[in-house]
Amino acid sequence: MLNDNIKKLRTALNMSQVELAHRLGVSKQSVSNWENDNIQPSVDMLVKIARCLNTSTDYLLGLSSEKTIDASGLTDTQIAHIIQIIDDIKKGSP
């Protein structure tokens, strides 16, 4: 599940394995190995992956189905706008 979640989130962000590797300070081969379930990232690296992919470690590990959005640094008004956009998308509005 971890391997699938890393790949799913990375591709949803239109991020290549090379770009994710660069952001994490690892080789592309490491990312490929995680996504192919050949090796598991360390606990420290798991936290870095979660931060880079804007999610929680629980989501990556399949312990939670909740997805998160990092809104740190945004004003309350900006956050309210984002919430409205999300609500509109859920309702099927353009």
C-alpha atoms as a PDB file:
ATOM      1  CA  MET A   1       0.000   0.000   0.000  1.00  0.00           C
ATOM      2  CA  LEU A   2       2.836   2.441   0.823  1.00  0.00           C
ATOM      3  CA  ASN A   3       4.347   1.967  -2.618  1.00  0.00           C
ATOM      4  CA  ASP A   4       1.028   2.619  -4.368  1.00  0.00           C
ATOM      5  CA  ASN A   5       0.275   5.693  -2.267  1.00  0.00           C
ATOM      6  CA  ILE A   6       3.666   7.266  -2.932  1.00  0.00           C
ATOM      7  CA  LYS A   7       3.263   6.754  -6.677  1.00  0.00           C
ATOM      8  CA  LYS A   8      -0.376   7.885  -6.719  1.00  0.00           C
ATOM      9  CA  LEU A   9       0.350  11.129  -4.877  1.00  0.00           C
ATOM     10  CA  ARG A  10       3.547  11.824  -6.822  1.00  0.00           C
ATOM     11  CA  THR A  11       1.809  11.428 -10.171  1.00  0.00           C
ATOM     12  CA  ALA A  12      -1.214  13.451  -9.008  1.00  0.00           C
ATOM     13  CA  LEU A  13       1.220  16.308  -8.347  1.00  0.00           C
ATOM     14  CA  ASN A  14       2.708  15.831 -11.848  1.00  0.00           C
ATOM     15  CA  MET A  15       6.036  15.105 -10.213  1.00  0.00           C
ATOM     16  CA  SER A  16       8.572  12.760 -11.773  1.00  0.00           C
ATOM     17  CA  GLN A  17      10.563  10.255  -9.764  1.00  0.00           C
ATOM     18  CA  VAL A  18      13.622  12.389 -10.461  1.00  0.00           C
ATOM     19  CA  GLU A  19      11.939  15.514  -9.084  1.00  0.00           C
ATOM     20  CA  LEU A  20      10.734  13.738  -5.935  1.00  0.00           C
ATOM     21  CA  ALA A  21      14.193  12.268  -5.430  1.00  0.00           C
ATOM     22  CA  HIS A  22      15.777  15.708  -5.802  1.00  0.00           C
ATOM     23  CA  ARG A  23      13.375  17.254  -3.283  1.00  0.00           C
ATOM     24  CA  LEU A  24      14.115  14.461  -0.802  1.00  0.00           C
ATOM     25  CA  GLY A  25      17.862  14.384  -1.394  1.00  0.00           C
ATOM     26  CA  VAL A  26      17.908  10.750  -2.539  1.00  0.00           C
ATOM     27  CA  SER A  27      18.507   8.973  -5.829  1.00  0.00           C
ATOM     28  CA  LYS A  28      15.818   8.284  -8.427  1.00  0.00           C
ATOM     29  CA  GLN A  29      16.568   4.607  -7.810  1.00  0.00           C
ATOM     30  CA  SER A  30      15.431   4.990  -4.188  1.00  0.00           C
ATOM     31  CA  VAL A  31      12.088   6.410  -5.294  1.00  0.00           C
ATOM     32  CA  SER A  32      11.743   3.668  -7.897  1.00  0.00           C
ATOM     33  CA  ASN A  33      12.517   1.008  -5.295  1.00  0.00           C
ATOM     34  CA  TRP A  34       9.889   2.414  -2.906  1.00  0.00           C
ATOM     35  CA  GLU A  35       7.260   2.546  -5.642  1.00  0.00           C
ATOM     36  CA  ASN A  36       8.077  -0.980  -6.824  1.00  0.00           C
ATOM     37  CA  ASP A  37       7.927  -2.244  -3.226  1.00  0.00           C
ATOM     38  CA  ASN A  38      11.533  -3.464  -3.377  1.00  0.00           C
ATOM     39  CA  ILE A  39      12.560  -1.551  -0.247  1.00  0.00           C
ATOM     40  CA  GLN A  40      10.841   0.555   2.389  1.00  0.00           C
ATOM     41  CA  PRO A  41      11.914   4.085   3.285  1.00  0.00           C
ATOM     42  CA  SER A  42      13.232   4.710   6.781  1.00  0.00           C
ATOM     43  CA  VAL A  43      10.899   6.281   9.324  1.00  0.00           C
ATOM     44  CA  ASP A  44      12.707   9.611   8.955  1.00  0.00           C
ATOM     45  CA  MET A  45      12.398   9.431   5.173  1.00  0.00           C
ATOM     46  CA  LEU A  46       8.723   8.479   5.445  1.00  0.00           C
ATOM     47  CA  VAL A  47       8.099  11.747   7.292  1.00  0.00           C
ATOM     48  CA  LYS A  48       9.990  13.677   4.590  1.00  0.00           C
ATOM     49  CA  ILE A  49       7.994  11.941   1.844  1.00  0.00           C
ATOM     50  CA  ALA A  50       4.716  12.798   3.572  1.00  0.00           C
ATOM     51  CA  ARG A  51       5.709  16.448   3.891  1.00  0.00           C
ATOM     52  CA  CYS A  52       6.860  16.621   0.278  1.00  0.00           C
ATOM     53  CA  LEU A  53       3.622  15.042  -0.972  1.00  0.00           C
ATOM     54  CA  ASN A  54       1.428  17.166   1.341  1.00  0.00           C
ATOM     55  CA  THR A  55      -0.071  14.251   3.210  1.00  0.00           C
ATOM     56  CA  SER A  56       0.249  12.378   6.484  1.00  0.00           C
ATOM     57  CA  THR A  57       2.335   9.336   7.251  1.00  0.00           C
ATOM     58  CA  ASP A  58      -0.901   7.599   8.259  1.00  0.00           C
ATOM     59  CA  TYR A  59      -2.293   8.159   4.762  1.00  0.00           C
ATOM     60  CA  LEU A  60       0.899   6.896   3.124  1.00  0.00           C
ATOM     61  CA  LEU A  61       0.829   3.777   5.285  1.00  0.00           C
ATOM     62  CA  GLY A  62      -2.855   3.131   4.603  1.00  0.00           C
ATOM     63  CA  LEU A  63      -3.873   3.729   8.221  1.00  0.00           C
ATOM     64  CA  SER A  64      -6.122   6.651   7.292  1.00  0.00           C
ATOM     65  CA  SER A  65      -8.090   7.498   4.189  1.00  0.00           C
ATOM     66  CA  GLU A  66      -8.157  11.198   5.045  1.00  0.00           C
ATOM     67  CA  LYS A  67      -6.247  13.438   2.683  1.00  0.00           C
ATOM     68  CA  THR A  68      -4.767  16.696   3.886  1.00  0.00           C
ATOM     69  CA  ILE A  69      -3.823  20.006   2.370  1.00  0.00           C
ATOM     70  CA  ASP A  70      -1.043  22.081   3.873  1.00  0.00           C
ATOM     71  CA  ALA A  71      -2.564  25.523   4.420  1.00  0.00           C
ATOM     72  CA  SER A  72       0.186  26.845   6.663  1.00  0.00           C
ATOM     73  CA  GLY A  73       1.086  30.418   5.863  1.00  0.00           C
ATOM     74  CA  LEU A  74      -2.330  31.204   4.385  1.00  0.00           C
ATOM     75  CA  THR A  75      -4.727  33.716   5.882  1.00  0.00           C
ATOM     76  CA  ASP A  76      -8.110  32.695   7.251  1.00  0.00           C
ATOM     77  CA  THR A  77      -9.721  34.328   4.223  1.00  0.00           C
ATOM     78  CA  GLN A  78      -7.543  32.342   1.803  1.00  0.00           C
ATOM     79  CA  ILE A  79      -8.340  29.118   3.653  1.00  0.00           C
ATOM     80  CA  ALA A  80     -12.060  29.934   3.500  1.00  0.00           C
ATOM     81  CA  HIS A  81     -11.777  30.395  -0.280  1.00  0.00           C
ATOM     82  CA  ILE A  82     -10.054  27.044  -0.649  1.00  0.00           C
ATOM     83  CA  ILE A  83     -12.736  25.355   1.452  1.00  0.00           C
ATOM     84  CA  GLN A  84     -15.413  26.899  -0.781  1.00  0.00           C
ATOM     85  CA  ILE A  85     -13.650  25.639  -3.914  1.00  0.00           C
ATOM     86  CA  ILE A  86     -13.451  22.139  -2.428  1.00  0.00           C
ATOM     87  CA  ASP A  87     -17.149  22.241  -1.518  1.00  0.00           C
ATOM     88  CA  ASP A  88     -18.032  23.392  -5.060  1.00  0.00           C
ATOM     89  CA  ILE A  89     -15.979  20.559  -6.590  1.00  0.00           C
ATOM     90  CA  LYS A  90     -17.669  17.993  -4.313  1.00  0.00           C
ATOM     91  CA  LYS A  91     -21.070  19.318  -5.423  1.00  0.00           C
ATOM     92  CA  GLY A  92     -20.058  19.052  -9.069  1.00  0.00           C
ATOM     93  CA  SER A  93     -19.973  22.791  -9.744  1.00  0.00           C
ATOM     94  CA  PRO A  94     -17.419  24.229 -12.161  1.00  0.00           C
END
